[in-house]
N, C-alpha and C. Protein backbone atom coordinates (compact mmCIF):
# COMPACT_ATOMS: atom_id res chain seq x y z
N MET A 1 -28.86 54.50 -126.02
CA MET A 1 -28.08 53.48 -125.33
C MET A 1 -27.15 52.80 -126.33
N ALA A 2 -25.89 52.68 -126.01
CA ALA A 2 -24.92 52.06 -126.89
C ALA A 2 -25.09 50.55 -126.91
N ASP A 3 -24.79 49.98 -128.07
CA ASP A 3 -24.82 48.52 -128.18
C ASP A 3 -23.67 47.95 -127.37
N VAL A 4 -23.96 46.97 -126.55
CA VAL A 4 -22.94 46.31 -125.74
C VAL A 4 -23.12 44.81 -125.92
N SER A 5 -22.11 44.17 -126.40
CA SER A 5 -22.19 42.72 -126.58
C SER A 5 -22.17 42.03 -125.23
N THR A 6 -23.02 41.05 -125.09
CA THR A 6 -23.02 40.24 -123.87
C THR A 6 -22.63 38.81 -124.19
N GLY A 7 -21.91 38.64 -125.28
CA GLY A 7 -21.38 37.32 -125.57
C GLY A 7 -21.76 36.78 -126.92
N GLN A 8 -21.49 35.50 -127.07
CA GLN A 8 -21.72 34.78 -128.31
C GLN A 8 -22.43 33.47 -128.00
N ALA A 9 -23.26 33.08 -128.95
CA ALA A 9 -23.93 31.79 -128.84
C ALA A 9 -23.70 31.01 -130.13
N TRP A 10 -23.59 29.72 -129.98
CA TRP A 10 -23.49 28.82 -131.13
C TRP A 10 -24.61 27.80 -131.04
N ALA A 11 -25.39 27.71 -132.11
CA ALA A 11 -26.41 26.66 -132.25
C ALA A 11 -25.86 25.72 -133.31
N VAL A 12 -25.66 24.47 -132.93
CA VAL A 12 -24.95 23.51 -133.79
C VAL A 12 -25.82 22.29 -134.02
N ASP A 13 -26.06 21.98 -135.28
CA ASP A 13 -26.82 20.79 -135.67
C ASP A 13 -25.87 19.79 -136.32
N ALA A 14 -25.82 18.59 -135.77
CA ALA A 14 -24.94 17.54 -136.29
C ALA A 14 -25.80 16.42 -136.88
N TYR A 15 -25.60 16.12 -138.15
CA TYR A 15 -26.38 15.12 -138.89
C TYR A 15 -25.52 13.90 -139.23
N GLY A 16 -26.18 12.77 -139.36
CA GLY A 16 -25.47 11.55 -139.77
C GLY A 16 -24.57 10.99 -138.69
N CYS A 17 -24.89 11.26 -137.44
CA CYS A 17 -24.08 10.75 -136.31
C CYS A 17 -24.38 9.28 -136.06
N ARG A 18 -23.42 8.60 -135.44
CA ARG A 18 -23.61 7.20 -135.06
C ARG A 18 -24.68 7.11 -133.96
N PRO A 19 -25.77 6.39 -134.19
CA PRO A 19 -26.85 6.30 -133.20
C PRO A 19 -26.37 5.82 -131.83
N GLU A 20 -25.45 4.86 -131.80
CA GLU A 20 -24.99 4.34 -130.51
C GLU A 20 -24.26 5.42 -129.70
N GLY A 21 -23.55 6.32 -130.38
CA GLY A 21 -22.89 7.43 -129.70
C GLY A 21 -23.87 8.44 -129.14
N LEU A 22 -24.99 8.59 -129.83
CA LEU A 22 -26.00 9.55 -129.39
C LEU A 22 -26.83 9.02 -128.22
N ARG A 23 -26.69 7.73 -127.92
CA ARG A 23 -27.35 7.13 -126.75
C ARG A 23 -26.39 6.95 -125.58
N SER A 24 -25.12 7.18 -125.81
CA SER A 24 -24.09 6.87 -124.82
C SER A 24 -23.70 8.09 -123.99
N LEU A 25 -23.93 7.97 -122.68
CA LEU A 25 -23.50 9.04 -121.77
C LEU A 25 -21.98 9.20 -121.80
N ASP A 26 -21.26 8.10 -121.93
CA ASP A 26 -19.80 8.17 -121.97
C ASP A 26 -19.31 8.94 -123.20
N VAL A 27 -19.89 8.65 -124.36
CA VAL A 27 -19.48 9.34 -125.59
C VAL A 27 -19.82 10.82 -125.49
N LEU A 28 -21.02 11.14 -125.04
CA LEU A 28 -21.42 12.54 -124.95
C LEU A 28 -20.62 13.29 -123.88
N ALA A 29 -20.26 12.61 -122.81
CA ALA A 29 -19.39 13.23 -121.80
C ALA A 29 -18.03 13.55 -122.40
N ARG A 30 -17.52 12.70 -123.30
CA ARG A 30 -16.25 12.98 -123.98
C ARG A 30 -16.37 14.22 -124.87
N VAL A 31 -17.53 14.39 -125.51
CA VAL A 31 -17.75 15.59 -126.32
C VAL A 31 -17.72 16.82 -125.41
N PHE A 32 -18.47 16.80 -124.31
CA PHE A 32 -18.48 17.92 -123.38
C PHE A 32 -17.07 18.19 -122.86
N ASP A 33 -16.34 17.14 -122.49
CA ASP A 33 -14.97 17.31 -121.98
C ASP A 33 -14.08 17.98 -123.03
N ALA A 34 -14.23 17.58 -124.29
CA ALA A 34 -13.42 18.17 -125.36
C ALA A 34 -13.76 19.64 -125.56
N VAL A 35 -15.05 19.98 -125.56
CA VAL A 35 -15.44 21.38 -125.71
C VAL A 35 -14.85 22.20 -124.56
N VAL A 36 -15.02 21.74 -123.35
CA VAL A 36 -14.54 22.47 -122.17
C VAL A 36 -13.03 22.65 -122.23
N ARG A 37 -12.31 21.59 -122.49
CA ARG A 37 -10.84 21.65 -122.49
C ARG A 37 -10.32 22.51 -123.65
N GLU A 38 -10.81 22.26 -124.84
CA GLU A 38 -10.26 22.91 -126.03
C GLU A 38 -10.72 24.36 -126.18
N ALA A 39 -11.86 24.71 -125.60
CA ALA A 39 -12.35 26.09 -125.66
C ALA A 39 -12.02 26.86 -124.38
N ALA A 40 -11.28 26.22 -123.48
CA ALA A 40 -10.85 26.84 -122.21
C ALA A 40 -12.05 27.38 -121.43
N LEU A 41 -13.08 26.54 -121.29
CA LEU A 41 -14.26 26.89 -120.51
C LEU A 41 -14.08 26.44 -119.07
N ARG A 42 -14.92 26.97 -118.18
CA ARG A 42 -14.77 26.68 -116.75
C ARG A 42 -16.10 26.20 -116.16
N PRO A 43 -16.25 24.88 -116.02
CA PRO A 43 -17.49 24.34 -115.44
C PRO A 43 -17.64 24.73 -113.98
N LEU A 44 -18.90 24.95 -113.59
CA LEU A 44 -19.21 25.23 -112.19
C LEU A 44 -19.60 23.97 -111.44
N ARG A 45 -20.10 22.99 -112.15
CA ARG A 45 -20.52 21.72 -111.56
C ARG A 45 -20.35 20.63 -112.61
N ALA A 46 -20.60 19.41 -112.22
CA ALA A 46 -20.60 18.30 -113.17
C ALA A 46 -21.82 18.43 -114.09
N PRO A 47 -21.73 17.90 -115.31
CA PRO A 47 -22.90 17.95 -116.20
C PRO A 47 -24.07 17.17 -115.61
N VAL A 48 -25.25 17.57 -116.01
CA VAL A 48 -26.48 16.85 -115.67
C VAL A 48 -26.94 16.15 -116.95
N TRP A 49 -27.24 14.84 -116.82
CA TRP A 49 -27.64 14.03 -117.98
C TRP A 49 -28.99 13.39 -117.72
N HIS A 50 -29.76 13.24 -118.77
CA HIS A 50 -30.99 12.46 -118.72
C HIS A 50 -31.05 11.60 -119.97
N ALA A 51 -31.07 10.30 -119.78
CA ALA A 51 -31.20 9.36 -120.90
C ALA A 51 -32.66 8.92 -120.99
N PHE A 52 -33.24 9.10 -122.16
CA PHE A 52 -34.62 8.70 -122.39
C PHE A 52 -34.67 7.21 -122.72
N PRO A 53 -35.80 6.55 -122.48
CA PRO A 53 -35.91 5.13 -122.86
C PRO A 53 -35.69 4.95 -124.36
N ALA A 54 -35.11 3.82 -124.74
CA ALA A 54 -34.89 3.50 -126.16
C ALA A 54 -36.21 3.55 -126.89
N PRO A 55 -36.22 4.09 -128.08
CA PRO A 55 -35.08 4.46 -128.91
C PRO A 55 -34.63 5.91 -128.72
N GLY A 56 -35.07 6.54 -127.64
CA GLY A 56 -34.76 7.95 -127.40
C GLY A 56 -33.31 8.21 -127.14
N GLY A 57 -32.99 9.46 -127.03
CA GLY A 57 -31.61 9.88 -126.86
C GLY A 57 -31.31 10.41 -125.48
N VAL A 58 -30.52 11.46 -125.45
CA VAL A 58 -29.99 12.00 -124.21
C VAL A 58 -30.11 13.53 -124.25
N THR A 59 -30.38 14.10 -123.10
CA THR A 59 -30.28 15.54 -122.91
C THR A 59 -29.19 15.77 -121.87
N GLY A 60 -28.32 16.72 -122.14
CA GLY A 60 -27.25 17.05 -121.21
C GLY A 60 -27.12 18.54 -121.07
N PHE A 61 -26.71 18.97 -119.87
CA PHE A 61 -26.55 20.39 -119.59
C PHE A 61 -25.35 20.58 -118.68
N LEU A 62 -24.53 21.58 -119.00
CA LEU A 62 -23.36 21.91 -118.19
C LEU A 62 -23.37 23.40 -117.90
N LEU A 63 -23.43 23.74 -116.63
CA LEU A 63 -23.38 25.13 -116.20
C LEU A 63 -21.92 25.57 -116.18
N LEU A 64 -21.64 26.69 -116.83
CA LEU A 64 -20.28 27.20 -116.96
C LEU A 64 -20.16 28.57 -116.32
N GLN A 65 -18.96 28.95 -115.92
CA GLN A 65 -18.75 30.33 -115.50
C GLN A 65 -19.10 31.27 -116.64
N GLU A 66 -18.86 30.81 -117.86
CA GLU A 66 -19.14 31.61 -119.05
C GLU A 66 -20.62 31.60 -119.42
N SER A 67 -21.36 30.61 -119.03
CA SER A 67 -22.80 30.47 -119.21
C SER A 67 -23.19 29.00 -119.23
N HIS A 68 -23.37 28.40 -120.45
CA HIS A 68 -23.81 27.00 -120.46
C HIS A 68 -23.50 26.30 -121.78
N LEU A 69 -23.52 24.97 -121.70
CA LEU A 69 -23.39 24.06 -122.84
C LEU A 69 -24.50 23.04 -122.70
N ALA A 70 -25.24 22.80 -123.78
CA ALA A 70 -26.34 21.84 -123.74
C ALA A 70 -26.32 20.98 -124.99
N VAL A 71 -26.91 19.78 -124.88
CA VAL A 71 -27.07 18.89 -126.03
C VAL A 71 -28.40 18.15 -125.90
N HIS A 72 -29.00 17.89 -127.03
CA HIS A 72 -30.19 17.04 -127.13
C HIS A 72 -29.93 16.11 -128.31
N THR A 73 -30.05 14.80 -128.10
CA THR A 73 -29.75 13.86 -129.19
C THR A 73 -31.00 13.10 -129.61
N PHE A 74 -31.00 12.71 -130.87
CA PHE A 74 -32.09 11.97 -131.48
C PHE A 74 -31.47 10.81 -132.27
N PRO A 75 -31.11 9.71 -131.59
CA PRO A 75 -30.39 8.62 -132.25
C PRO A 75 -31.17 8.01 -133.42
N GLU A 76 -32.49 7.99 -133.28
CA GLU A 76 -33.30 7.40 -134.35
C GLU A 76 -33.19 8.20 -135.65
N ARG A 77 -32.71 9.43 -135.55
CA ARG A 77 -32.51 10.28 -136.73
C ARG A 77 -31.04 10.58 -136.98
N GLY A 78 -30.14 10.07 -136.12
CA GLY A 78 -28.71 10.35 -136.28
C GLY A 78 -28.39 11.83 -136.09
N PHE A 79 -29.15 12.50 -135.24
CA PHE A 79 -29.07 13.96 -135.11
C PHE A 79 -28.77 14.37 -133.66
N ALA A 80 -27.94 15.41 -133.53
CA ALA A 80 -27.66 16.02 -132.22
C ALA A 80 -27.71 17.53 -132.37
N ALA A 81 -28.31 18.19 -131.38
CA ALA A 81 -28.38 19.65 -131.34
C ALA A 81 -27.60 20.13 -130.12
N PHE A 82 -26.59 20.94 -130.36
CA PHE A 82 -25.76 21.51 -129.30
C PHE A 82 -26.00 23.01 -129.23
N ASP A 83 -25.95 23.54 -128.01
CA ASP A 83 -26.01 24.98 -127.79
C ASP A 83 -24.91 25.35 -126.81
N LEU A 84 -24.13 26.35 -127.19
CA LEU A 84 -23.09 26.88 -126.31
C LEU A 84 -23.27 28.39 -126.26
N TYR A 85 -23.38 28.92 -125.06
CA TYR A 85 -23.46 30.37 -124.88
C TYR A 85 -22.32 30.79 -123.96
N CYS A 86 -21.57 31.78 -124.42
CA CYS A 86 -20.47 32.33 -123.63
C CYS A 86 -20.69 33.83 -123.49
N CYS A 87 -20.59 34.34 -122.28
CA CYS A 87 -20.88 35.75 -122.01
C CYS A 87 -19.79 36.69 -122.51
N ARG A 88 -18.67 36.15 -122.93
CA ARG A 88 -17.61 36.97 -123.51
C ARG A 88 -17.21 36.38 -124.86
N ALA A 89 -16.79 37.27 -125.74
CA ALA A 89 -16.37 36.82 -127.07
C ALA A 89 -15.20 35.85 -126.95
N ARG A 90 -15.19 34.88 -127.83
CA ARG A 90 -14.10 33.89 -127.87
C ARG A 90 -14.06 33.27 -129.25
N ALA A 91 -12.96 32.63 -129.53
CA ALA A 91 -12.82 31.94 -130.82
C ALA A 91 -13.79 30.76 -130.86
N PRO A 92 -14.36 30.48 -132.01
CA PRO A 92 -15.27 29.33 -132.11
C PRO A 92 -14.52 28.01 -131.94
N TRP A 93 -15.21 27.05 -131.38
CA TRP A 93 -14.67 25.69 -131.27
C TRP A 93 -14.75 25.04 -132.65
N ARG A 94 -13.94 24.03 -132.90
CA ARG A 94 -13.90 23.35 -134.21
C ARG A 94 -15.02 22.31 -134.29
N TRP A 95 -16.27 22.78 -134.29
CA TRP A 95 -17.43 21.90 -134.23
C TRP A 95 -17.43 20.85 -135.33
N GLU A 96 -17.22 21.27 -136.57
CA GLU A 96 -17.31 20.34 -137.70
C GLU A 96 -16.32 19.19 -137.55
N GLU A 97 -15.06 19.55 -137.35
CA GLU A 97 -14.00 18.55 -137.25
C GLU A 97 -14.18 17.63 -136.04
N ARG A 98 -14.43 18.22 -134.89
CA ARG A 98 -14.49 17.43 -133.66
C ARG A 98 -15.74 16.56 -133.57
N LEU A 99 -16.90 17.04 -134.04
CA LEU A 99 -18.10 16.20 -134.00
C LEU A 99 -18.01 15.07 -135.01
N ALA A 100 -17.30 15.29 -136.11
CA ALA A 100 -17.05 14.19 -137.05
C ALA A 100 -16.20 13.11 -136.36
N GLN A 101 -15.18 13.53 -135.63
CA GLN A 101 -14.31 12.58 -134.93
C GLN A 101 -15.03 11.87 -133.79
N LEU A 102 -15.73 12.63 -132.97
CA LEU A 102 -16.30 12.08 -131.73
C LEU A 102 -17.64 11.38 -131.91
N LEU A 103 -18.46 11.85 -132.87
CA LEU A 103 -19.80 11.29 -133.06
C LEU A 103 -20.01 10.69 -134.44
N GLY A 104 -19.02 10.83 -135.31
CA GLY A 104 -19.18 10.34 -136.67
C GLY A 104 -20.09 11.23 -137.52
N ALA A 105 -20.26 12.49 -137.12
CA ALA A 105 -21.15 13.40 -137.84
C ALA A 105 -20.72 13.52 -139.30
N GLN A 106 -21.68 13.37 -140.19
CA GLN A 106 -21.42 13.50 -141.62
C GLN A 106 -21.56 14.94 -142.10
N ARG A 107 -22.40 15.71 -141.41
CA ARG A 107 -22.63 17.11 -141.76
C ARG A 107 -22.90 17.89 -140.47
N VAL A 108 -22.26 19.04 -140.34
CA VAL A 108 -22.44 19.87 -139.16
C VAL A 108 -22.74 21.30 -139.62
N VAL A 109 -23.83 21.83 -139.11
CA VAL A 109 -24.23 23.21 -139.42
C VAL A 109 -24.07 24.04 -138.15
N VAL A 110 -23.24 25.08 -138.24
CA VAL A 110 -22.96 25.94 -137.09
C VAL A 110 -23.53 27.32 -137.37
N ARG A 111 -24.36 27.78 -136.46
CA ARG A 111 -24.90 29.14 -136.54
C ARG A 111 -24.36 29.90 -135.33
N GLU A 112 -23.70 31.02 -135.59
CA GLU A 112 -23.14 31.84 -134.53
C GLU A 112 -23.96 33.12 -134.41
N LEU A 113 -24.22 33.51 -133.18
CA LEU A 113 -25.05 34.67 -132.92
C LEU A 113 -24.39 35.54 -131.86
N ALA A 114 -24.24 36.83 -132.16
CA ALA A 114 -23.76 37.77 -131.15
C ALA A 114 -24.94 38.12 -130.28
N ARG A 115 -24.80 37.99 -128.97
CA ARG A 115 -25.90 38.25 -128.02
C ARG A 115 -25.76 39.64 -127.45
N GLY A 116 -26.90 40.27 -127.18
CA GLY A 116 -26.94 41.56 -126.53
C GLY A 116 -26.72 42.74 -127.44
N GLU A 117 -26.57 42.50 -128.74
CA GLU A 117 -26.43 43.60 -129.69
C GLU A 117 -27.78 43.85 -130.31
N ALA A 118 -28.22 45.09 -130.26
CA ALA A 118 -29.52 45.42 -130.84
C ALA A 118 -29.47 45.26 -132.36
N PRO A 119 -30.51 44.65 -132.94
CA PRO A 119 -30.54 44.53 -134.40
C PRO A 119 -30.62 45.92 -135.03
N ARG A 120 -30.05 46.03 -136.18
CA ARG A 120 -30.05 47.33 -136.89
C ARG A 120 -31.13 47.34 -137.94
């Protein structure tokens, strides 16, 4: 069976973020809006959000025609974990630059994974 790519995934860890931004549905919605707009993604519905009681953070999920975008925040640690999966190859979003602007991230680690390709 030939290897067939079924897309790309990005696991993104953002450190040193502003805690108030990691608790704010408005701020996180702006991040989702920026990813969708700048990466030319196509949402199927509005995002689903769950805010945990303080000092907890927020979990968000957006169903896309391409697959999904998710975030889990930990304001008490200044940390956010994002996952984006797209069923077709595309250029990576500018995670480092944009999360620094939108969340005040001091350090961003991006791991990209090709999905559906058998390991060699």
